[in-house]
């Protein structure tokens, strides 16, 4: 597997972790284990431009809607999102992964691909930081009631290349 940037830390509800990883990544993979029963949604992970407070540029993110569906969003020139058909705010641990590459946007939950958009292959480029647990969501589709995720987050990994479906399945199997 490619070397990743692992942010292995348990995050209580609403706590935001800021990685000091400033690179203009276009093709990227992120994988996160989370658990929640929230009905107010919130940002799980994102690439934002602010080290503290709310970012003014933010995308390449995964967030939860109030109904528990998961959204992967990027901003190449306008907001582009893909959404899981199922809800994951059932109080159980889940593994969510998202990739952006020349093959498009893909969203995986518990090792299986649940959504894709082959036409979207890039995101806005800027220097930023990986933020976990919350940040700005203004202007995005299916906006949740909260910018901050009320739940537990563990085993965050960010890779500078998109992992294959087989690698994502192996990550899920290893985290079960």
N, C-alpha and C. Protein backbone atom coordinates (compact mmCIF):
# COMPACT_ATOMS: atom_id res chain seq x y z
N UNK A 1 0.83 -1.18 0.00
CA UNK A 1 0.00 0.00 0.00
C UNK A 1 0.87 1.25 0.00
N UNK A 2 0.39 2.34 -0.63
CA UNK A 2 1.17 3.57 -0.60
C UNK A 2 1.27 4.12 0.81
N UNK A 3 2.34 4.84 1.06
CA UNK A 3 2.50 5.45 2.38
C UNK A 3 1.41 6.49 2.57
N UNK A 4 0.84 6.53 3.74
CA UNK A 4 -0.23 7.48 4.03
C UNK A 4 0.11 8.39 5.17
N UNK A 5 -0.67 9.38 5.34
CA UNK A 5 -0.55 10.28 6.49
C UNK A 5 -1.62 9.82 7.46
N UNK A 6 -1.23 9.15 8.50
CA UNK A 6 -2.18 8.60 9.45
C UNK A 6 -2.34 9.54 10.64
N UNK A 7 -3.55 9.90 10.92
CA UNK A 7 -3.88 10.74 12.06
C UNK A 7 -4.63 9.84 13.04
N UNK A 8 -3.91 8.95 13.69
CA UNK A 8 -4.54 7.94 14.52
C UNK A 8 -4.80 8.50 15.90
N UNK A 9 -5.99 9.01 16.06
CA UNK A 9 -6.38 9.62 17.32
C UNK A 9 -7.88 9.50 17.45
N UNK A 10 -8.35 9.27 18.64
CA UNK A 10 -9.78 9.18 18.88
C UNK A 10 -10.30 10.59 19.13
N UNK A 11 -11.41 10.94 18.49
CA UNK A 11 -11.95 12.30 18.58
C UNK A 11 -13.30 12.28 19.25
N UNK A 12 -13.43 12.89 20.43
CA UNK A 12 -14.75 13.01 21.05
C UNK A 12 -15.64 13.93 20.22
N UNK A 13 -16.91 13.91 20.49
CA UNK A 13 -17.88 14.70 19.73
C UNK A 13 -17.47 16.16 19.62
N UNK A 14 -17.46 16.64 18.39
CA UNK A 14 -17.23 18.05 18.14
C UNK A 14 -15.80 18.53 18.20
N UNK A 15 -14.84 17.70 18.58
CA UNK A 15 -13.45 18.13 18.65
C UNK A 15 -12.87 18.14 17.24
N UNK A 16 -12.18 19.19 16.89
CA UNK A 16 -11.59 19.29 15.57
C UNK A 16 -10.09 19.11 15.68
N UNK A 17 -9.53 18.26 14.82
CA UNK A 17 -8.09 18.03 14.79
C UNK A 17 -7.55 18.63 13.52
N UNK A 18 -6.50 19.38 13.62
CA UNK A 18 -5.91 20.01 12.46
C UNK A 18 -4.56 19.39 12.18
N UNK A 19 -4.41 18.83 10.99
CA UNK A 19 -3.13 18.30 10.55
C UNK A 19 -2.34 19.43 9.92
N UNK A 20 -1.06 19.44 10.14
CA UNK A 20 -0.21 20.46 9.54
C UNK A 20 0.34 19.96 8.22
N UNK A 21 -0.53 19.44 7.38
CA UNK A 21 -0.17 18.84 6.10
C UNK A 21 -0.58 19.82 5.02
N UNK A 22 0.33 20.67 4.58
CA UNK A 22 0.01 21.70 3.58
C UNK A 22 0.56 21.29 2.22
N UNK A 23 -0.30 20.68 1.40
CA UNK A 23 0.07 20.32 0.03
C UNK A 23 -1.13 20.53 -0.86
N UNK A 24 -0.88 20.84 -2.09
CA UNK A 24 -1.95 21.02 -3.07
C UNK A 24 -2.27 19.66 -3.70
N UNK A 25 -3.03 18.85 -3.01
CA UNK A 25 -3.35 17.50 -3.48
C UNK A 25 -4.54 17.55 -4.43
N UNK A 26 -4.42 16.91 -5.58
CA UNK A 26 -5.54 16.78 -6.49
C UNK A 26 -6.13 15.38 -6.37
N UNK A 27 -5.32 14.35 -6.58
CA UNK A 27 -5.81 12.98 -6.50
C UNK A 27 -5.52 12.47 -5.10
N UNK A 28 -6.55 12.07 -4.42
CA UNK A 28 -6.41 11.81 -3.00
C UNK A 28 -7.39 10.74 -2.53
N UNK A 29 -7.02 10.09 -1.47
CA UNK A 29 -7.89 9.12 -0.80
C UNK A 29 -7.90 9.45 0.68
N UNK A 30 -9.04 9.35 1.30
CA UNK A 30 -9.12 9.48 2.75
C UNK A 30 -10.05 8.39 3.26
N UNK A 31 -9.69 7.83 4.40
CA UNK A 31 -10.49 6.78 5.02
C UNK A 31 -10.63 7.05 6.50
N UNK A 32 -11.82 6.85 7.04
CA UNK A 32 -12.12 7.21 8.43
C UNK A 32 -13.06 6.17 9.03
N UNK A 33 -12.83 5.84 10.28
CA UNK A 33 -13.76 5.00 11.03
C UNK A 33 -14.53 5.94 11.96
N UNK A 34 -15.86 5.80 11.98
CA UNK A 34 -16.68 6.69 12.81
C UNK A 34 -17.87 5.95 13.40
N UNK A 35 -18.45 6.56 14.43
CA UNK A 35 -19.65 6.03 15.08
C UNK A 35 -20.47 7.21 15.57
N UNK A 36 -21.79 7.19 15.31
CA UNK A 36 -22.65 8.27 15.78
C UNK A 36 -24.12 7.85 15.76
N UNK A 37 -24.93 8.55 16.50
CA UNK A 37 -26.39 8.43 16.41
C UNK A 37 -27.00 9.82 16.25
N UNK A 38 -26.18 10.79 15.81
CA UNK A 38 -26.62 12.17 15.67
C UNK A 38 -27.71 12.33 14.60
N UNK A 39 -28.56 13.29 14.81
CA UNK A 39 -29.54 13.69 13.79
C UNK A 39 -29.28 15.14 13.36
N UNK A 40 -28.08 15.64 13.67
CA UNK A 40 -27.71 16.99 13.26
C UNK A 40 -26.52 17.00 12.31
N UNK A 41 -26.13 15.83 11.80
CA UNK A 41 -25.07 15.73 10.81
C UNK A 41 -23.75 16.30 11.26
N UNK A 42 -22.95 16.79 10.32
CA UNK A 42 -21.68 17.43 10.63
C UNK A 42 -20.54 16.95 9.76
N UNK A 43 -19.50 17.77 9.71
CA UNK A 43 -18.31 17.48 8.91
C UNK A 43 -17.47 16.43 9.61
N UNK A 44 -17.06 15.41 8.87
CA UNK A 44 -16.22 14.35 9.41
C UNK A 44 -14.75 14.65 9.12
N UNK A 45 -14.43 14.96 7.86
CA UNK A 45 -13.06 15.29 7.49
C UNK A 45 -13.10 16.21 6.28
N UNK A 46 -12.10 17.08 6.16
CA UNK A 46 -12.04 17.99 5.02
C UNK A 46 -10.67 18.59 4.86
N UNK A 47 -10.48 19.23 3.74
CA UNK A 47 -9.26 19.97 3.44
C UNK A 47 -9.65 21.44 3.42
N UNK A 48 -9.23 22.18 4.44
CA UNK A 48 -9.58 23.59 4.56
C UNK A 48 -8.35 24.47 4.63
N UNK A 49 -8.55 25.77 4.46
CA UNK A 49 -7.40 26.68 4.41
C UNK A 49 -7.11 27.39 5.74
N UNK A 50 -7.91 27.19 6.77
CA UNK A 50 -7.68 27.87 8.05
C UNK A 50 -7.18 26.89 9.10
N UNK A 51 -6.17 27.32 9.84
CA UNK A 51 -5.65 26.48 10.92
C UNK A 51 -6.56 26.56 12.14
N UNK A 52 -7.20 27.71 12.35
CA UNK A 52 -8.15 27.87 13.45
C UNK A 52 -9.39 28.55 12.90
N UNK A 53 -10.50 28.46 13.61
CA UNK A 53 -11.74 29.06 13.14
C UNK A 53 -12.28 28.33 11.92
N UNK A 54 -13.19 29.01 11.20
CA UNK A 54 -13.79 28.40 10.02
C UNK A 54 -12.98 28.75 8.78
N UNK A 55 -12.79 27.76 7.91
CA UNK A 55 -12.07 27.97 6.66
C UNK A 55 -12.92 28.76 5.68
N UNK A 56 -12.27 29.56 4.82
CA UNK A 56 -12.98 30.25 3.74
C UNK A 56 -12.91 29.44 2.45
N UNK A 57 -11.94 28.56 2.33
CA UNK A 57 -11.87 27.58 1.23
C UNK A 57 -11.89 26.20 1.88
N UNK A 58 -12.81 25.35 1.40
CA UNK A 58 -12.97 24.04 2.01
C UNK A 58 -13.64 23.12 1.02
N UNK A 59 -13.01 21.97 0.79
CA UNK A 59 -13.59 20.95 -0.07
C UNK A 59 -12.84 19.65 0.15
N UNK A 60 -13.01 18.69 -0.75
CA UNK A 60 -12.46 17.35 -0.56
C UNK A 60 -12.91 16.80 0.79
N UNK A 61 -14.18 17.01 1.09
CA UNK A 61 -14.67 16.66 2.42
C UNK A 61 -15.73 15.55 2.39
N UNK A 62 -15.85 14.94 3.56
CA UNK A 62 -16.91 13.97 3.82
C UNK A 62 -17.71 14.53 4.99
N UNK A 63 -19.02 14.63 4.80
CA UNK A 63 -19.87 15.07 5.90
C UNK A 63 -21.14 14.24 5.94
N UNK A 64 -21.81 14.31 7.09
CA UNK A 64 -23.04 13.57 7.30
C UNK A 64 -24.21 14.55 7.28
N UNK A 65 -25.31 14.15 6.63
CA UNK A 65 -26.52 14.96 6.65
C UNK A 65 -27.30 14.67 7.93
N UNK A 66 -28.36 15.43 8.17
CA UNK A 66 -29.19 15.21 9.35
C UNK A 66 -29.82 13.83 9.36
N UNK A 67 -30.05 13.26 8.19
CA UNK A 67 -30.68 11.93 8.11
C UNK A 67 -29.68 10.79 8.17
N UNK A 68 -28.39 11.11 8.25
CA UNK A 68 -27.37 10.06 8.39
C UNK A 68 -26.73 9.61 7.10
N UNK A 69 -27.12 10.20 5.96
CA UNK A 69 -26.44 9.86 4.72
C UNK A 69 -25.08 10.55 4.70
N UNK A 70 -24.15 9.99 3.94
CA UNK A 70 -22.80 10.53 3.84
C UNK A 70 -22.61 11.20 2.49
N UNK A 71 -21.96 12.36 2.52
CA UNK A 71 -21.73 13.15 1.31
C UNK A 71 -20.23 13.35 1.14
N UNK A 72 -19.74 13.09 -0.07
CA UNK A 72 -18.37 13.40 -0.45
C UNK A 72 -18.46 14.57 -1.42
N UNK A 73 -17.80 15.68 -1.11
CA UNK A 73 -17.88 16.86 -1.94
C UNK A 73 -16.53 17.41 -2.32
N UNK A 74 -16.42 17.88 -3.57
CA UNK A 74 -15.24 18.59 -4.06
C UNK A 74 -15.72 19.83 -4.79
N UNK A 75 -14.79 20.75 -5.04
CA UNK A 75 -15.14 22.00 -5.70
C UNK A 75 -14.13 22.30 -6.80
N UNK A 76 -14.34 21.75 -8.02
CA UNK A 76 -13.42 22.07 -9.10
C UNK A 76 -13.66 23.50 -9.63
N UNK A 77 -14.92 23.84 -9.97
CA UNK A 77 -15.34 25.19 -10.33
C UNK A 77 -16.72 25.48 -9.76
N UNK A 78 -17.36 24.44 -9.25
CA UNK A 78 -18.66 24.51 -8.58
C UNK A 78 -18.75 23.29 -7.67
N UNK A 79 -19.66 23.33 -6.72
CA UNK A 79 -19.82 22.21 -5.79
C UNK A 79 -20.28 20.96 -6.53
N UNK A 80 -19.54 19.86 -6.34
CA UNK A 80 -19.88 18.55 -6.90
C UNK A 80 -19.95 17.57 -5.74
N UNK A 81 -21.04 16.86 -5.60
CA UNK A 81 -21.20 15.93 -4.49
C UNK A 81 -21.73 14.59 -4.98
N UNK A 82 -21.41 13.56 -4.20
CA UNK A 82 -22.04 12.25 -4.33
C UNK A 82 -22.50 11.85 -2.93
N UNK A 83 -23.61 11.14 -2.85
CA UNK A 83 -24.24 10.84 -1.57
C UNK A 83 -24.55 9.37 -1.43
N UNK A 84 -24.32 8.84 -0.24
CA UNK A 84 -24.66 7.43 0.02
C UNK A 84 -26.18 7.27 0.00
N UNK A 85 -26.68 6.15 -0.53
CA UNK A 85 -28.13 5.93 -0.49
C UNK A 85 -28.62 5.55 0.91
N UNK A 86 -27.76 4.99 1.73
CA UNK A 86 -28.15 4.55 3.07
C UNK A 86 -27.73 5.53 4.14
N UNK A 87 -28.26 5.34 5.34
CA UNK A 87 -27.94 6.16 6.50
C UNK A 87 -27.01 5.39 7.44
N UNK A 88 -26.13 6.13 8.12
CA UNK A 88 -25.11 5.51 8.95
C UNK A 88 -25.03 6.13 10.34
N UNK A 89 -26.12 6.69 10.82
CA UNK A 89 -26.17 7.28 12.17
C UNK A 89 -26.89 6.33 13.12
N UNK A 90 -26.51 5.06 13.07
CA UNK A 90 -27.19 4.01 13.85
C UNK A 90 -26.43 3.59 15.11
N UNK A 91 -25.40 4.34 15.49
CA UNK A 91 -24.64 4.02 16.70
C UNK A 91 -23.61 2.92 16.54
N UNK A 92 -23.44 2.40 15.32
CA UNK A 92 -22.44 1.36 15.04
C UNK A 92 -21.21 1.99 14.40
N UNK A 93 -20.07 1.30 14.51
CA UNK A 93 -18.86 1.76 13.84
C UNK A 93 -18.96 1.49 12.35
N UNK A 94 -18.55 2.47 11.54
CA UNK A 94 -18.54 2.35 10.09
C UNK A 94 -17.20 2.87 9.56
N UNK A 95 -16.82 2.35 8.41
CA UNK A 95 -15.61 2.80 7.71
C UNK A 95 -16.05 3.51 6.44
N UNK A 96 -15.71 4.79 6.31
CA UNK A 96 -16.03 5.55 5.10
C UNK A 96 -14.73 5.94 4.42
N UNK A 97 -14.71 5.80 3.10
CA UNK A 97 -13.54 6.18 2.31
C UNK A 97 -14.03 6.91 1.07
N UNK A 98 -13.23 7.86 0.62
CA UNK A 98 -13.56 8.61 -0.59
C UNK A 98 -12.29 8.79 -1.41
N UNK A 99 -12.43 8.68 -2.73
CA UNK A 99 -11.29 8.87 -3.61
C UNK A 99 -11.65 9.89 -4.69
N UNK A 100 -10.63 10.62 -5.12
CA UNK A 100 -10.74 11.54 -6.24
C UNK A 100 -9.53 11.27 -7.13
N UNK A 101 -9.78 10.92 -8.38
CA UNK A 101 -8.69 10.58 -9.31
C UNK A 101 -9.17 10.79 -10.74
N UNK A 102 -8.35 10.41 -11.68
CA UNK A 102 -8.76 10.49 -13.08
C UNK A 102 -9.94 9.57 -13.38
N UNK A 103 -10.24 8.64 -12.48
CA UNK A 103 -11.41 7.77 -12.61
C UNK A 103 -12.66 8.41 -12.01
N UNK A 104 -12.54 9.61 -11.45
CA UNK A 104 -13.68 10.31 -10.89
C UNK A 104 -13.73 10.28 -9.38
N UNK A 105 -14.88 10.70 -8.84
CA UNK A 105 -15.14 10.67 -7.40
C UNK A 105 -15.79 9.34 -7.06
N UNK A 106 -15.35 8.74 -5.94
CA UNK A 106 -15.98 7.50 -5.48
C UNK A 106 -16.13 7.56 -3.97
N UNK A 107 -17.25 7.06 -3.49
CA UNK A 107 -17.53 7.00 -2.06
C UNK A 107 -17.78 5.56 -1.68
N UNK A 108 -17.09 5.10 -0.63
CA UNK A 108 -17.21 3.72 -0.13
C UNK A 108 -17.65 3.76 1.32
N UNK A 109 -18.51 2.84 1.69
CA UNK A 109 -18.90 2.68 3.09
C UNK A 109 -18.80 1.20 3.43
N UNK A 110 -18.12 0.90 4.51
CA UNK A 110 -17.93 -0.47 4.99
C UNK A 110 -17.41 -1.39 3.88
N UNK A 111 -16.45 -0.87 3.09
CA UNK A 111 -15.76 -1.65 2.08
C UNK A 111 -16.42 -1.73 0.72
N UNK A 112 -17.64 -1.20 0.57
CA UNK A 112 -18.36 -1.28 -0.70
C UNK A 112 -18.57 0.11 -1.30
N UNK A 113 -18.42 0.21 -2.62
CA UNK A 113 -18.69 1.49 -3.27
C UNK A 113 -20.19 1.75 -3.25
N UNK A 114 -20.58 2.96 -2.79
CA UNK A 114 -22.00 3.31 -2.67
C UNK A 114 -22.40 4.47 -3.57
N UNK A 115 -21.42 5.22 -4.11
CA UNK A 115 -21.74 6.33 -5.01
C UNK A 115 -20.51 6.67 -5.84
N UNK A 116 -20.74 7.25 -7.03
CA UNK A 116 -19.63 7.63 -7.90
C UNK A 116 -20.08 8.72 -8.87
N UNK A 117 -19.11 9.48 -9.36
CA UNK A 117 -19.30 10.47 -10.41
C UNK A 117 -18.04 10.44 -11.26
N UNK A 118 -18.07 9.76 -12.40
CA UNK A 118 -16.90 9.61 -13.25
C UNK A 118 -16.48 10.91 -13.92
N UNK A 119 -17.39 11.89 -14.02
CA UNK A 119 -17.09 13.14 -14.72
C UNK A 119 -16.27 14.12 -13.88
N UNK A 120 -16.29 13.99 -12.57
CA UNK A 120 -15.57 14.92 -11.70
C UNK A 120 -14.24 14.30 -11.31
N UNK A 121 -13.13 14.90 -11.80
CA UNK A 121 -11.81 14.31 -11.60
C UNK A 121 -10.82 15.24 -10.90
N UNK A 122 -11.21 16.48 -10.60
CA UNK A 122 -10.32 17.43 -9.94
C UNK A 122 -11.09 18.23 -8.90
N UNK A 123 -10.33 18.92 -8.06
CA UNK A 123 -10.90 19.81 -7.06
C UNK A 123 -10.10 21.11 -7.08
N UNK A 124 -10.64 22.12 -6.46
CA UNK A 124 -9.94 23.39 -6.36
C UNK A 124 -8.60 23.19 -5.66
N UNK A 125 -7.56 23.81 -6.19
CA UNK A 125 -6.23 23.68 -5.60
C UNK A 125 -5.87 24.88 -4.74
N UNK A 126 -5.45 24.64 -3.54
CA UNK A 126 -4.97 25.68 -2.63
C UNK A 126 -4.19 25.01 -1.52
N UNK A 127 -3.36 25.75 -0.83
CA UNK A 127 -2.63 25.20 0.32
C UNK A 127 -3.60 25.13 1.48
N UNK A 128 -3.58 24.01 2.19
CA UNK A 128 -4.51 23.85 3.29
C UNK A 128 -4.08 22.79 4.27
N UNK A 129 -5.02 22.43 5.13
CA UNK A 129 -4.78 21.47 6.19
C UNK A 129 -5.93 20.47 6.22
N UNK A 130 -5.63 19.24 6.57
CA UNK A 130 -6.69 18.26 6.79
C UNK A 130 -7.29 18.52 8.16
N UNK A 131 -8.59 18.70 8.22
CA UNK A 131 -9.29 18.97 9.47
C UNK A 131 -10.29 17.86 9.73
N UNK A 132 -10.34 17.41 10.95
CA UNK A 132 -11.19 16.29 11.34
C UNK A 132 -12.18 16.75 12.41
N UNK A 133 -13.46 16.46 12.20
CA UNK A 133 -14.47 16.71 13.22
C UNK A 133 -15.29 17.96 13.03
N UNK A 134 -14.91 18.84 12.12
CA UNK A 134 -15.73 20.02 11.89
C UNK A 134 -15.01 21.14 11.18
N UNK A 135 -15.77 21.92 10.45
CA UNK A 135 -15.31 23.14 9.78
C UNK A 135 -16.51 23.67 8.99
N UNK A 136 -16.29 24.68 8.21
CA UNK A 136 -17.33 25.36 7.46
C UNK A 136 -18.01 24.41 6.47
N UNK A 137 -19.32 24.55 6.32
CA UNK A 137 -20.08 23.82 5.31
C UNK A 137 -21.01 24.74 4.52
N UNK A 138 -20.90 26.04 4.72
CA UNK A 138 -21.79 26.99 4.05
C UNK A 138 -21.72 26.81 2.54
N UNK A 139 -22.88 26.78 1.91
CA UNK A 139 -22.96 26.70 0.46
C UNK A 139 -23.00 25.30 -0.11
N UNK A 140 -22.86 24.27 0.70
CA UNK A 140 -22.88 22.91 0.19
C UNK A 140 -24.28 22.33 0.22
N UNK A 141 -24.52 21.30 -0.57
CA UNK A 141 -25.83 20.67 -0.69
C UNK A 141 -26.14 19.82 0.54
N UNK A 142 -27.43 19.66 0.82
CA UNK A 142 -27.89 18.86 1.96
C UNK A 142 -27.19 19.30 3.25
N UNK A 143 -27.12 20.60 3.44
CA UNK A 143 -26.42 21.19 4.59
C UNK A 143 -27.00 20.66 5.91
N UNK A 144 -26.15 20.06 6.76
CA UNK A 144 -26.63 19.58 8.05
C UNK A 144 -26.85 20.73 9.04
N UNK A 145 -27.50 20.44 10.13
CA UNK A 145 -27.77 21.46 11.16
C UNK A 145 -26.49 21.93 11.84
N UNK A 146 -25.46 21.09 11.87
CA UNK A 146 -24.22 21.44 12.55
C UNK A 146 -23.02 21.30 11.62
N UNK A 147 -22.06 22.21 11.75
CA UNK A 147 -20.79 22.08 11.03
C UNK A 147 -19.90 21.04 11.71
N UNK A 148 -20.21 20.69 12.95
CA UNK A 148 -19.35 19.81 13.74
C UNK A 148 -20.01 18.45 13.93
N UNK A 149 -19.22 17.42 13.78
CA UNK A 149 -19.70 16.05 13.88
C UNK A 149 -19.82 15.63 15.34
N UNK A 150 -21.00 15.20 15.74
CA UNK A 150 -21.25 14.74 17.11
C UNK A 150 -21.18 13.21 17.11
N UNK A 151 -20.00 12.70 17.36
CA UNK A 151 -19.79 11.26 17.36
C UNK A 151 -18.34 10.96 17.63
N UNK A 152 -17.95 9.74 17.39
CA UNK A 152 -16.56 9.33 17.59
C UNK A 152 -15.91 9.10 16.23
N UNK A 153 -14.66 9.54 16.11
CA UNK A 153 -13.88 9.37 14.89
C UNK A 153 -12.56 8.72 15.28
N UNK A 154 -12.14 7.74 14.50
CA UNK A 154 -10.90 7.04 14.81
C UNK A 154 -10.24 6.61 13.49
N UNK A 155 -8.96 6.33 13.54
CA UNK A 155 -8.22 5.77 12.41
C UNK A 155 -8.38 6.56 11.12
N UNK A 156 -8.06 7.83 11.16
CA UNK A 156 -8.10 8.66 9.97
C UNK A 156 -6.81 8.45 9.18
N UNK A 157 -6.93 8.20 7.89
CA UNK A 157 -5.77 8.05 7.01
C UNK A 157 -6.01 8.85 5.74
N UNK A 158 -4.99 9.59 5.32
CA UNK A 158 -5.05 10.36 4.08
C UNK A 158 -3.88 9.93 3.21
N UNK A 159 -4.16 9.63 1.96
CA UNK A 159 -3.15 9.20 1.01
C UNK A 159 -3.09 10.18 -0.15
N UNK A 160 -1.93 10.36 -0.72
CA UNK A 160 -1.76 11.30 -1.83
C UNK A 160 -2.14 10.68 -3.18
N UNK A 161 -2.64 9.48 -3.16
CA UNK A 161 -3.11 8.81 -4.37
C UNK A 161 -4.39 8.06 -4.02
N UNK A 162 -5.23 7.86 -5.03
CA UNK A 162 -6.48 7.13 -4.80
C UNK A 162 -6.19 5.64 -4.67
N UNK A 163 -6.70 5.02 -3.62
CA UNK A 163 -6.54 3.57 -3.45
C UNK A 163 -7.56 2.84 -4.32
N UNK A 164 -7.23 1.61 -4.67
CA UNK A 164 -8.14 0.77 -5.45
C UNK A 164 -9.28 0.27 -4.57
N UNK A 165 -10.34 -0.20 -5.22
CA UNK A 165 -11.46 -0.79 -4.49
C UNK A 165 -11.00 -1.97 -3.65
N UNK A 166 -10.08 -2.78 -4.17
CA UNK A 166 -9.56 -3.93 -3.42
C UNK A 166 -8.80 -3.47 -2.17
N UNK A 167 -8.01 -2.42 -2.28
CA UNK A 167 -7.29 -1.89 -1.11
C UNK A 167 -8.25 -1.33 -0.08
N UNK A 168 -9.29 -0.66 -0.54
CA UNK A 168 -10.30 -0.11 0.40
C UNK A 168 -11.01 -1.25 1.10
N UNK A 169 -11.35 -2.30 0.36
CA UNK A 169 -11.96 -3.49 0.97
C UNK A 169 -11.05 -4.11 2.02
N UNK A 170 -9.75 -4.15 1.74
CA UNK A 170 -8.79 -4.70 2.70
C UNK A 170 -8.68 -3.81 3.93
N UNK A 171 -8.72 -2.51 3.76
CA UNK A 171 -8.71 -1.59 4.91
C UNK A 171 -9.92 -1.84 5.80
N UNK A 172 -11.08 -1.97 5.17
CA UNK A 172 -12.31 -2.22 5.93
C UNK A 172 -12.20 -3.54 6.70
N UNK A 173 -11.74 -4.58 6.04
CA UNK A 173 -11.61 -5.89 6.68
C UNK A 173 -10.64 -5.82 7.87
N UNK A 174 -9.58 -5.04 7.75
CA UNK A 174 -8.61 -4.91 8.83
C UNK A 174 -9.15 -4.12 10.02
N UNK A 175 -10.15 -3.27 9.78
CA UNK A 175 -10.68 -2.41 10.85
C UNK A 175 -11.89 -3.04 11.53
N UNK A 176 -12.42 -4.15 11.00
CA UNK A 176 -13.59 -4.82 11.60
C UNK A 176 -13.22 -5.48 12.90
